[in-house]
PDB file of N, CA and C in Angstrom:
ATOM      1  N   UNK A   1     -97.115  39.941  66.079  1.00  0.00           N
ATOM      2  CA  UNK A   1     -96.447  40.998  65.356  1.00  0.00           C
ATOM      3  C   UNK A   1     -97.323  41.475  64.196  1.00  0.00           C
ATOM      4  N   UNK A   2     -97.105  42.692  63.832  1.00  0.00           N
ATOM      5  CA  UNK A   2     -97.892  43.320  62.778  1.00  0.00           C
ATOM      6  C   UNK A   2     -97.000  43.667  61.603  1.00  0.00           C
ATOM      7  N   UNK A   3     -97.605  43.730  60.443  1.00  0.00           N
ATOM      8  CA  UNK A   3     -96.897  44.262  59.283  1.00  0.00           C
ATOM      9  C   UNK A   3     -96.700  45.758  59.503  1.00  0.00           C
ATOM     10  N   UNK A   4     -95.727  46.361  58.825  1.00  0.00           N
ATOM     11  CA  UNK A   4     -95.506  47.801  58.996  1.00  0.00           C
ATOM     12  C   UNK A   4     -96.776  48.607  58.744  1.00  0.00           C
ATOM     13  N   UNK A   5     -97.060  49.516  59.649  1.00  0.00           N
ATOM     14  CA  UNK A   5     -98.204  50.435  59.579  1.00  0.00           C
ATOM     15  C   UNK A   5     -99.553  49.746  59.508  1.00  0.00           C
ATOM     16  N   UNK A   6     -99.612  48.521  59.987  1.00  0.00           N
ATOM     17  CA  UNK A   6    -100.849  47.745  59.938  1.00  0.00           C
ATOM     18  C   UNK A   6    -101.398  47.501  61.336  1.00  0.00           C
ATOM     19  N   UNK A   7    -102.714  47.342  61.414  1.00  0.00           N
ATOM     20  CA  UNK A   7    -103.356  46.950  62.660  1.00  0.00           C
ATOM     21  C   UNK A   7    -104.066  45.604  62.511  1.00  0.00           C
ATOM     22  N   UNK A   8    -103.863  44.958  61.392  1.00  0.00           N
ATOM     23  CA  UNK A   8    -104.557  43.697  61.114  1.00  0.00           C
ATOM     24  C   UNK A   8    -103.920  42.533  61.880  1.00  0.00           C
ATOM     25  N   UNK A   9    -104.765  41.744  62.532  1.00  0.00           N
ATOM     26  CA  UNK A   9    -104.318  40.524  63.206  1.00  0.00           C
ATOM     27  C   UNK A   9    -104.389  39.362  62.233  1.00  0.00           C
ATOM     28  N   UNK A  10    -103.416  38.464  62.330  1.00  0.00           N
ATOM     29  CA  UNK A  10    -103.511  37.261  61.505  1.00  0.00           C
ATOM     30  C   UNK A  10    -104.325  36.207  62.250  1.00  0.00           C
ATOM     31  N   UNK A  11    -104.681  35.129  61.567  1.00  0.00           N
ATOM     32  CA  UNK A  11    -105.543  34.102  62.169  1.00  0.00           C
ATOM     33  C   UNK A  11    -104.886  33.453  63.378  1.00  0.00           C
ATOM     34  N   UNK A  12    -103.573  33.354  63.388  1.00  0.00           N
ATOM     35  CA  UNK A  12    -102.864  32.784  64.532  1.00  0.00           C
ATOM     36  C   UNK A  12    -103.052  33.665  65.771  1.00  0.00           C
ATOM     37  N   UNK A  13    -102.923  34.967  65.610  1.00  0.00           N
ATOM     38  CA  UNK A  13    -103.104  35.892  66.732  1.00  0.00           C
ATOM     39  C   UNK A  13    -104.540  35.849  67.232  1.00  0.00           C
ATOM     40  N   UNK A  14    -105.495  35.771  66.324  1.00  0.00           N
ATOM     41  CA  UNK A  14    -106.894  35.704  66.725  1.00  0.00           C
ATOM     42  C   UNK A  14    -107.177  34.457  67.550  1.00  0.00           C
ATOM     43  N   UNK A  15    -106.640  33.316  67.146  1.00  0.00           N
ATOM     44  CA  UNK A  15    -106.878  32.086  67.913  1.00  0.00           C
ATOM     45  C   UNK A  15    -106.168  32.140  69.263  1.00  0.00           C
ATOM     46  N   UNK A  16    -104.984  32.764  69.329  1.00  0.00           N
ATOM     47  CA  UNK A  16    -104.297  32.925  70.612  1.00  0.00           C
ATOM     48  C   UNK A  16    -105.111  33.802  71.556  1.00  0.00           C
ATOM     49  N   UNK A  17    -105.687  34.876  71.033  1.00  0.00           N
ATOM     50  CA  UNK A  17    -106.508  35.756  71.858  1.00  0.00           C
ATOM     51  C   UNK A  17    -107.762  35.042  72.345  1.00  0.00           C
ATOM     52  N   UNK A  18    -108.338  34.221  71.494  1.00  0.00           N
ATOM     53  CA  UNK A  18    -109.529  33.480  71.898  1.00  0.00           C
ATOM     54  C   UNK A  18    -109.197  32.526  73.045  1.00  0.00           C
ATOM     55  N   UNK A  19    -108.087  31.807  72.946  1.00  0.00           N
ATOM     56  CA  UNK A  19    -107.670  30.900  74.034  1.00  0.00           C
ATOM     57  C   UNK A  19    -107.365  31.688  75.306  1.00  0.00           C
ATOM     58  N   UNK A  20    -106.701  32.827  75.154  1.00  0.00           N
ATOM     59  CA  UNK A  20    -106.384  33.677  76.295  1.00  0.00           C
ATOM     60  C   UNK A  20    -107.661  34.129  76.994  1.00  0.00           C
ATOM     61  N   UNK A  21    -108.642  34.555  76.218  1.00  0.00           N
ATOM     62  CA  UNK A  21    -109.911  35.036  76.783  1.00  0.00           C
ATOM     63  C   UNK A  21    -110.625  33.939  77.570  1.00  0.00           C
ATOM     64  N   UNK A  22    -110.531  32.725  77.107  1.00  0.00           N
ATOM     65  CA  UNK A  22    -111.160  31.603  77.806  1.00  0.00           C
ATOM     66  C   UNK A  22    -110.499  31.373  79.159  1.00  0.00           C
ATOM     67  N   UNK A  23    -109.192  31.541  79.217  1.00  0.00           N
ATOM     68  CA  UNK A  23    -108.418  31.253  80.429  1.00  0.00           C
ATOM     69  C   UNK A  23    -108.296  32.423  81.402  1.00  0.00           C
ATOM     70  N   UNK A  24    -108.764  33.604  81.052  1.00  0.00           N
ATOM     71  CA  UNK A  24    -108.509  34.801  81.841  1.00  0.00           C
ATOM     72  C   UNK A  24    -109.185  34.794  83.209  1.00  0.00           C
ATOM     73  N   UNK A  25    -110.354  34.209  83.316  1.00  0.00           N
ATOM     74  CA  UNK A  25    -111.053  34.199  84.600  1.00  0.00           C
ATOM     75  C   UNK A  25    -111.353  35.604  85.080  1.00  0.00           C
ATOM     76  N   UNK A  26    -111.053  35.875  86.350  1.00  0.00           N
ATOM     77  CA  UNK A  26    -111.323  37.186  86.945  1.00  0.00           C
ATOM     78  C   UNK A  26    -110.103  38.101  86.955  1.00  0.00           C
ATOM     79  N   UNK A  27    -109.022  37.652  86.345  1.00  0.00           N
ATOM     80  CA  UNK A  27    -107.817  38.484  86.326  1.00  0.00           C
ATOM     81  C   UNK A  27    -108.034  39.747  85.500  1.00  0.00           C
ATOM     82  N   UNK A  28    -107.226  40.733  85.739  1.00  0.00           N
ATOM     83  CA  UNK A  28    -107.218  41.965  84.967  1.00  0.00           C
ATOM     84  C   UNK A  28    -106.249  41.795  83.794  1.00  0.00           C
ATOM     85  N   UNK A  29    -106.410  42.633  82.780  1.00  0.00           N
ATOM     86  CA  UNK A  29    -105.576  42.535  81.588  1.00  0.00           C
ATOM     87  C   UNK A  29    -105.063  43.928  81.218  1.00  0.00           C
ATOM     88  N   UNK A  30    -103.761  44.027  81.053  1.00  0.00           N
ATOM     89  CA  UNK A  30    -103.138  45.236  80.524  1.00  0.00           C
ATOM     90  C   UNK A  30    -102.786  44.958  79.072  1.00  0.00           C
ATOM     91  N   UNK A  31    -103.268  45.807  78.187  1.00  0.00           N
ATOM     92  CA  UNK A  31    -103.032  45.668  76.752  1.00  0.00           C
ATOM     93  C   UNK A  31    -102.196  46.881  76.334  1.00  0.00           C
ATOM     94  N   UNK A  32    -100.936  46.628  75.927  1.00  0.00           N
ATOM     95  CA  UNK A  32    -100.027  47.729  75.592  1.00  0.00           C
ATOM     96  C   UNK A  32     -99.524  47.570  74.159  1.00  0.00           C
ATOM     97  N   UNK A  33     -99.804  48.572  73.320  1.00  0.00           N
ATOM     98  CA  UNK A  33     -99.394  48.552  71.924  1.00  0.00           C
ATOM     99  C   UNK A  33     -98.056  49.223  71.713  1.00  0.00           C
ATOM    100  N   UNK A  34     -97.340  48.759  70.682  1.00  0.00           N
ATOM    101  CA  UNK A  34     -96.028  49.298  70.319  1.00  0.00           C
ATOM    102  C   UNK A  34     -95.950  49.492  68.809  1.00  0.00           C
ATOM    103  N   UNK A  35     -94.991  50.295  68.398  1.00  0.00           N
ATOM    104  CA  UNK A  35     -94.658  50.485  66.989  1.00  0.00           C
ATOM    105  C   UNK A  35     -93.137  50.605  66.917  1.00  0.00           C
ATOM    106  N   UNK A  36     -92.601  50.719  65.714  1.00  0.00           N
ATOM    107  CA  UNK A  36     -91.157  50.952  65.613  1.00  0.00           C
ATOM    108  C   UNK A  36     -90.886  52.228  64.823  1.00  0.00           C
ATOM    109  N   UNK A  37     -89.625  52.624  64.805  1.00  0.00           N
ATOM    110  CA  UNK A  37     -89.240  53.903  64.204  1.00  0.00           C
ATOM    111  C   UNK A  37     -89.558  54.001  62.713  1.00  0.00           C
ATOM    112  N   UNK A  38     -89.713  52.884  62.040  1.00  0.00           N
ATOM    113  CA  UNK A  38     -90.002  52.922  60.607  1.00  0.00           C
ATOM    114  C   UNK A  38     -91.449  53.318  60.331  1.00  0.00           C
ATOM    115  N   UNK A  39     -92.251  53.470  61.372  1.00  0.00           N
ATOM    116  CA  UNK A  39     -93.682  53.689  61.179  1.00  0.00           C
ATOM    117  C   UNK A  39     -94.102  55.139  61.367  1.00  0.00           C
ATOM    118  N   UNK A  40     -93.150  56.049  61.206  1.00  0.00           N
ATOM    119  CA  UNK A  40     -93.492  57.458  61.232  1.00  0.00           C
ATOM    120  C   UNK A  40     -92.916  58.185  62.431  1.00  0.00           C
ATOM    121  N   UNK A  41     -93.453  59.372  62.670  1.00  0.00           N
ATOM    122  CA  UNK A  41     -93.037  60.175  63.814  1.00  0.00           C
ATOM    123  C   UNK A  41     -93.505  59.511  65.098  1.00  0.00           C
ATOM    124  N   UNK A  42     -93.020  60.011  66.225  1.00  0.00           N
ATOM    125  CA  UNK A  42     -93.468  59.434  67.493  1.00  0.00           C
ATOM    126  C   UNK A  42     -94.981  59.584  67.646  1.00  0.00           C
ATOM    127  N   UNK A  43     -95.525  60.699  67.195  1.00  0.00           N
ATOM    128  CA  UNK A  43     -96.976  60.895  67.264  1.00  0.00           C
ATOM    129  C   UNK A  43     -97.730  59.884  66.419  1.00  0.00           C
ATOM    130  N   UNK A  44     -97.247  59.640  65.207  1.00  0.00           N
ATOM    131  CA  UNK A  44     -97.877  58.644  64.339  1.00  0.00           C
ATOM    132  C   UNK A  44     -97.735  57.245  64.932  1.00  0.00           C
ATOM    133  N   UNK A  45     -96.549  56.951  65.475  1.00  0.00           N
ATOM    134  CA  UNK A  45     -96.327  55.641  66.090  1.00  0.00           C
ATOM    135  C   UNK A  45     -97.198  55.470  67.329  1.00  0.00           C
ATOM    136  N   UNK A  46     -97.400  56.548  68.075  1.00  0.00           N
ATOM    137  CA  UNK A  46     -98.267  56.487  69.246  1.00  0.00           C
ATOM    138  C   UNK A  46     -99.700  56.167  68.827  1.00  0.00           C
ATOM    139  N   UNK A  47    -100.188  56.834  67.788  1.00  0.00           N
ATOM    140  CA  UNK A  47    -101.534  56.543  67.279  1.00  0.00           C
ATOM    141  C   UNK A  47    -101.637  55.102  66.794  1.00  0.00           C
ATOM    142  N   UNK A  48    -100.628  54.646  66.060  1.00  0.00           N
ATOM    143  CA  UNK A  48    -100.635  53.284  65.535  1.00  0.00           C
ATOM    144  C   UNK A  48    -100.604  52.261  66.665  1.00  0.00           C
ATOM    145  N   UNK A  49     -99.768  52.507  67.665  1.00  0.00           N
ATOM    146  CA  UNK A  49     -99.699  51.563  68.780  1.00  0.00           C
ATOM    147  C   UNK A  49    -101.015  51.545  69.555  1.00  0.00           C
ATOM    148  N   UNK A  50    -101.680  52.677  69.671  1.00  0.00           N
ATOM    149  CA  UNK A  50    -102.994  52.752  70.320  1.00  0.00           C
ATOM    150  C   UNK A  50    -104.026  51.969  69.503  1.00  0.00           C
ATOM    151  N   UNK A  51    -103.983  52.117  68.180  1.00  0.00           N
ATOM    152  CA  UNK A  51    -104.921  51.394  67.316  1.00  0.00           C
ATOM    153  C   UNK A  51    -104.684  49.880  67.396  1.00  0.00           C
ATOM    154  N   UNK A  52    -103.431  49.465  67.457  1.00  0.00           N
ATOM    155  CA  UNK A  52    -103.122  48.031  67.592  1.00  0.00           C
ATOM    156  C   UNK A  52    -103.666  47.483  68.909  1.00  0.00           C
ATOM    157  N   UNK A  53    -103.451  48.235  69.985  1.00  0.00           N
ATOM    158  CA  UNK A  53    -103.963  47.803  71.280  1.00  0.00           C
ATOM    159  C   UNK A  53    -105.491  47.755  71.267  1.00  0.00           C
ATOM    160  N   UNK A  54    -106.125  48.710  70.592  1.00  0.00           N
ATOM    161  CA  UNK A  54    -107.584  48.742  70.516  1.00  0.00           C
ATOM    162  C   UNK A  54    -108.133  47.522  69.776  1.00  0.00           C
ATOM    163  N   UNK A  55    -107.442  47.079  68.741  1.00  0.00           N
ATOM    164  CA  UNK A  55    -107.881  45.883  68.001  1.00  0.00           C
ATOM    165  C   UNK A  55    -107.865  44.668  68.923  1.00  0.00           C
ATOM    166  N   UNK A  56    -106.813  44.532  69.712  1.00  0.00           N
ATOM    167  CA  UNK A  56    -106.725  43.411  70.656  1.00  0.00           C
ATOM    168  C   UNK A  56    -107.830  43.528  71.705  1.00  0.00           C
ATOM    169  N   UNK A  57    -108.043  44.727  72.225  1.00  0.00           N
ATOM    170  CA  UNK A  57    -109.106  44.998  73.189  1.00  0.00           C
ATOM    171  C   UNK A  57    -110.465  44.555  72.633  1.00  0.00           C
ATOM    172  N   UNK A  58    -110.749  44.951  71.400  1.00  0.00           N
ATOM    173  CA  UNK A  58    -112.031  44.600  70.781  1.00  0.00           C
ATOM    174  C   UNK A  58    -112.187  43.089  70.604  1.00  0.00           C
ATOM    175  N   UNK A  59    -111.111  42.415  70.232  1.00  0.00           N
ATOM    176  CA  UNK A  59    -111.184  40.961  70.086  1.00  0.00           C
ATOM    177  C   UNK A  59    -111.417  40.287  71.434  1.00  0.00           C
ATOM    178  N   UNK A  60    -110.708  40.720  72.458  1.00  0.00           N
ATOM    179  CA  UNK A  60    -110.904  40.119  73.778  1.00  0.00           C
ATOM    180  C   UNK A  60    -112.321  40.371  74.280  1.00  0.00           C
ATOM    181  N   UNK A  61    -112.840  41.564  74.038  1.00  0.00           N
ATOM    182  CA  UNK A  61    -114.221  41.867  74.418  1.00  0.00           C
ATOM    183  C   UNK A  61    -115.184  40.937  73.682  1.00  0.00           C
ATOM    184  N   UNK A  62    -114.960  40.741  72.394  1.00  0.00           N
ATOM    185  CA  UNK A  62    -115.826  39.860  71.601  1.00  0.00           C
ATOM    186  C   UNK A  62    -115.768  38.417  72.097  1.00  0.00           C
ATOM    187  N   UNK A  63    -114.624  38.032  72.680  1.00  0.00           N
ATOM    188  CA  UNK A  63    -114.463  36.671  73.199  1.00  0.00           C
ATOM    189  C   UNK A  63    -114.901  36.554  74.653  1.00  0.00           C
ATOM    190  N   UNK A  64    -115.486  37.622  75.213  1.00  0.00           N
ATOM    191  CA  UNK A  64    -116.098  37.520  76.531  1.00  0.00           C
ATOM    192  C   UNK A  64    -115.356  38.159  77.688  1.00  0.00           C
ATOM    193  N   UNK A  65    -114.227  38.805  77.451  1.00  0.00           N
ATOM    194  CA  UNK A  65    -113.534  39.489  78.539  1.00  0.00           C
ATOM    195  C   UNK A  65    -114.287  40.800  78.813  1.00  0.00           C
ATOM    196  N   UNK A  66    -114.588  41.038  80.081  1.00  0.00           N
ATOM    197  CA  UNK A  66    -115.362  42.220  80.455  1.00  0.00           C
ATOM    198  C   UNK A  66    -114.549  43.504  80.281  1.00  0.00           C
ATOM    199  N   UNK A  67    -115.235  44.579  79.953  1.00  0.00           N
ATOM    200  CA  UNK A  67    -114.587  45.876  79.765  1.00  0.00           C
ATOM    201  C   UNK A  67    -113.855  46.335  81.021  1.00  0.00           C
ATOM    202  N   UNK A  68    -114.453  46.083  82.194  1.00  0.00           N
ATOM    203  CA  UNK A  68    -113.837  46.543  83.435  1.00  0.00           C
ATOM    204  C   UNK A  68    -112.601  45.732  83.820  1.00  0.00           C
ATOM    205  N   UNK A  69    -112.288  44.695  83.091  1.00  0.00           N
ATOM    206  CA  UNK A  69    -111.082  43.906  83.339  1.00  0.00           C
ATOM    207  C   UNK A  69    -109.889  44.423  82.542  1.00  0.00           C
ATOM    208  N   UNK A  70    -110.137  45.261  81.539  1.00  0.00           N
ATOM    209  CA  UNK A  70    -109.076  45.620  80.593  1.00  0.00           C
ATOM    210  C   UNK A  70    -108.656  47.079  80.693  1.00  0.00           C
ATOM    211  N   UNK A  71    -107.343  47.286  80.552  1.00  0.00           N
ATOM    212  CA  UNK A  71    -106.751  48.612  80.469  1.00  0.00           C
ATOM    213  C   UNK A  71    -105.896  48.641  79.204  1.00  0.00           C
ATOM    214  N   UNK A  72    -105.995  49.727  78.446  1.00  0.00           N
ATOM    215  CA  UNK A  72    -105.250  49.859  77.196  1.00  0.00           C
ATOM    216  C   UNK A  72    -104.240  50.985  77.331  1.00  0.00           C
ATOM    217  N   UNK A  73    -103.007  50.721  76.870  1.00  0.00           N
ATOM    218  CA  UNK A  73    -101.952  51.731  76.844  1.00  0.00           C
ATOM    219  C   UNK A  73    -101.272  51.715  75.481  1.00  0.00           C
ATOM    220  N   UNK A  74    -100.750  52.861  75.090  1.00  0.00           N
ATOM    221  CA  UNK A  74     -99.992  52.972  73.845  1.00  0.00           C
ATOM    222  C   UNK A  74     -98.603  53.491  74.168  1.00  0.00           C
ATOM    223  N   UNK A  75     -97.596  52.870  73.592  1.00  0.00           N
ATOM    224  CA  UNK A  75     -96.218  53.268  73.865  1.00  0.00           C
ATOM    225  C   UNK A  75     -95.513  53.889  72.676  1.00  0.00           C
ATOM    226  N   UNK A  76     -96.182  54.013  71.536  1.00  0.00           N
ATOM    227  CA  UNK A  76     -95.502  54.558  70.368  1.00  0.00           C
ATOM    228  C   UNK A  76     -94.282  53.723  70.049  1.00  0.00           C
ATOM    229  N   UNK A  77     -93.170  54.380  69.729  1.00  0.00           N
ATOM    230  CA  UNK A  77     -91.958  53.603  69.526  1.00  0.00           C
ATOM    231  C   UNK A  77     -91.016  53.705  70.711  1.00  0.00           C
ATOM    232  N   UNK A  78     -91.570  54.027  71.858  1.00  0.00           N
ATOM    233  CA  UNK A  78     -90.789  54.063  73.084  1.00  0.00           C
ATOM    234  C   UNK A  78     -91.176  52.889  73.972  1.00  0.00           C
ATOM    235  N   UNK A  79     -90.186  52.230  74.511  1.00  0.00           N
ATOM    236  CA  UNK A  79     -90.423  51.160  75.469  1.00  0.00           C
ATOM    237  C   UNK A  79     -90.716  51.801  76.812  1.00  0.00           C
ATOM    238  N   UNK A  80     -91.847  51.446  77.389  1.00  0.00           N
ATOM    239  CA  UNK A  80     -92.250  51.994  78.682  1.00  0.00           C
ATOM    240  C   UNK A  80     -92.291  53.524  78.662  1.00  0.00           C
ATOM    241  N   UNK A  81     -92.437  54.103  77.464  1.00  0.00           N
ATOM    242  CA  UNK A  81     -92.551  55.547  77.356  1.00  0.00           C
ATOM    243  C   UNK A  81     -91.250  56.310  77.580  1.00  0.00           C
ATOM    244  N   UNK A  82     -90.090  55.630  77.493  1.00  0.00           N
ATOM    245  CA  UNK A  82     -88.824  56.315  77.747  1.00  0.00           C
ATOM    246  C   UNK A  82     -87.948  56.323  76.512  1.00  0.00           C
ATOM    247  N   UNK A  83     -87.011  55.414  76.419  1.00  0.00           N
ATOM    248  CA  UNK A  83     -86.021  55.417  75.346  1.00  0.00           C
ATOM    249  C   UNK A  83     -86.602  54.914  74.018  1.00  0.00           C
ATOM    250  N   UNK A  84     -86.172  55.510  72.900  1.00  0.00           N
ATOM    251  CA  UNK A  84     -86.646  55.029  71.597  1.00  0.00           C
ATOM    252  C   UNK A  84     -86.230  53.580  71.348  1.00  0.00           C
ATOM    253  N   UNK A  85     -87.126  52.840  70.750  1.00  0.00           N
ATOM    254  CA  UNK A  85     -86.855  51.454  70.380  1.00  0.00           C
ATOM    255  C   UNK A  85     -86.400  51.437  68.934  1.00  0.00           C
ATOM    256  N   UNK A  86     -85.407  50.630  68.616  1.00  0.00           N
ATOM    257  CA  UNK A  86     -84.880  50.551  67.256  1.00  0.00           C
ATOM    258  C   UNK A  86     -85.910  49.974  66.289  1.00  0.00           C
ATOM    259  N   UNK A  87     -85.635  50.137  64.999  1.00  0.00           N
ATOM    260  CA  UNK A  87     -86.483  49.539  63.970  1.00  0.00           C
ATOM    261  C   UNK A  87     -86.329  48.028  64.065  1.00  0.00           C
ATOM    262  N   UNK A  88     -87.405  47.358  64.335  1.00  0.00           N
ATOM    263  CA  UNK A  88     -87.373  45.911  64.534  1.00  0.00           C
ATOM    264  C   UNK A  88     -88.808  45.421  64.490  1.00  0.00           C
ATOM    265  N   UNK A  89     -89.064  44.397  63.707  1.00  0.00           N
ATOM    266  CA  UNK A  89     -90.433  43.894  63.596  1.00  0.00           C
ATOM    267  C   UNK A  89     -90.968  43.415  64.939  1.00  0.00           C
ATOM    268  N   UNK A  90     -90.086  43.045  65.886  1.00  0.00           N
ATOM    269  CA  UNK A  90     -90.555  42.612  67.204  1.00  0.00           C
ATOM    270  C   UNK A  90     -91.155  43.762  67.998  1.00  0.00           C
ATOM    271  N   UNK A  91     -90.891  44.988  67.581  1.00  0.00           N
ATOM    272  CA  UNK A  91     -91.474  46.149  68.246  1.00  0.00           C
ATOM    273  C   UNK A  91     -92.845  46.506  67.673  1.00  0.00           C
ATOM    274  N   UNK A  92     -93.259  45.842  66.610  1.00  0.00           N
ATOM    275  CA  UNK A  92     -94.603  46.025  66.058  1.00  0.00           C
ATOM    276  C   UNK A  92     -95.475  44.947  66.678  1.00  0.00           C
ATOM    277  N   UNK A  93     -95.925  45.226  67.912  1.00  0.00           N
ATOM    278  CA  UNK A  93     -96.599  44.186  68.672  1.00  0.00           C
ATOM    279  C   UNK A  93     -97.575  44.804  69.666  1.00  0.00           C
ATOM    280  N   UNK A  94     -98.335  43.916  70.302  1.00  0.00           N
ATOM    281  CA  UNK A  94     -99.158  44.277  71.446  1.00  0.00           C
ATOM    282  C   UNK A  94     -98.850  43.265  72.528  1.00  0.00           C
ATOM    283  N   UNK A  95     -98.490  43.757  73.711  1.00  0.00           N
ATOM    284  CA  UNK A  95     -98.311  42.883  74.867  1.00  0.00           C
ATOM    285  C   UNK A  95     -99.641  42.787  75.592  1.00  0.00           C
ATOM    286  N   UNK A  96    -100.016  41.585  75.966  1.00  0.00           N
ATOM    287  CA  UNK A  96    -101.233  41.349  76.735  1.00  0.00           C
ATOM    288  C   UNK A  96    -100.794  40.684  78.035  1.00  0.00           C
ATOM    289  N   UNK A  97    -100.972  41.398  79.142  1.00  0.00           N
ATOM    290  CA  UNK A  97    -100.463  40.948  80.425  1.00  0.00           C
ATOM    291  C   UNK A  97    -101.633  40.762  81.383  1.00  0.00           C
ATOM    292  N   UNK A  98    -101.776  39.531  81.886  1.00  0.00           N
ATOM    293  CA  UNK A  98    -102.835  39.232  82.855  1.00  0.00           C
ATOM    294  C   UNK A  98    -102.243  39.309  84.262  1.00  0.00           C
ATOM    295  N   UNK A  99    -103.009  39.859  85.183  1.00  0.00           N
ATOM    296  CA  UNK A  99    -102.551  39.945  86.564  1.00  0.00           C
ATOM    297  C   UNK A  99    -103.747  39.870  87.503  1.00  0.00           C
ATOM    298  N   UNK A 100    -103.485  39.454  88.714  1.00  0.00           N
ATOM    299  CA  UNK A 100    -104.543  39.354  89.715  1.00  0.00           C
ATOM    300  C   UNK A 100    -104.877  40.746  90.234  1.00  0.00           C
ATOM    301  N   UNK A 101    -106.166  41.036  90.412  1.00  0.00           N
ATOM    302  CA  UNK A 101    -106.531  42.358  90.945  1.00  0.00           C
ATOM    303  C   UNK A 101    -106.061  42.503  92.390  1.00  0.00           C
ATOM    304  N   UNK A 102    -105.652  43.719  92.752  1.00  0.00           N
ATOM    305  CA  UNK A 102    -105.251  43.952  94.146  1.00  0.00           C
ATOM    306  C   UNK A 102    -106.500  44.009  95.005  1.00  0.00           C
ATOM    307  N   UNK A 103    -106.329  43.640  96.219  1.00  0.00           N
ATOM    308  CA  UNK A 103    -107.491  43.612  97.141  1.00  0.00           C
ATOM    309  C   UNK A 103    -107.422  44.726  98.119  1.00  0.00           C
TER     310      UNK A 103
END
């Protein structure tokens, strides 16, 4: 989780990302950023959620995850790009989802 209008990761998140990067193997990674309604207009929240996802992307890259394994998405303050999400610190987050590549 992030502080309001922040893209800074805390040391706990950084260590979790480092462990995740070690375990990722050849799987693909979807990195999806979120914001909540307290963080501005939907456009501002979309930019913020994109910036949050980019920070995670950069950390995973620094820890050895290949660029071609990662996809970044921004959801603003909408879950899955549809309904508005309420003001809640749990919505100030980045989901990192690993999955096996299709063959």
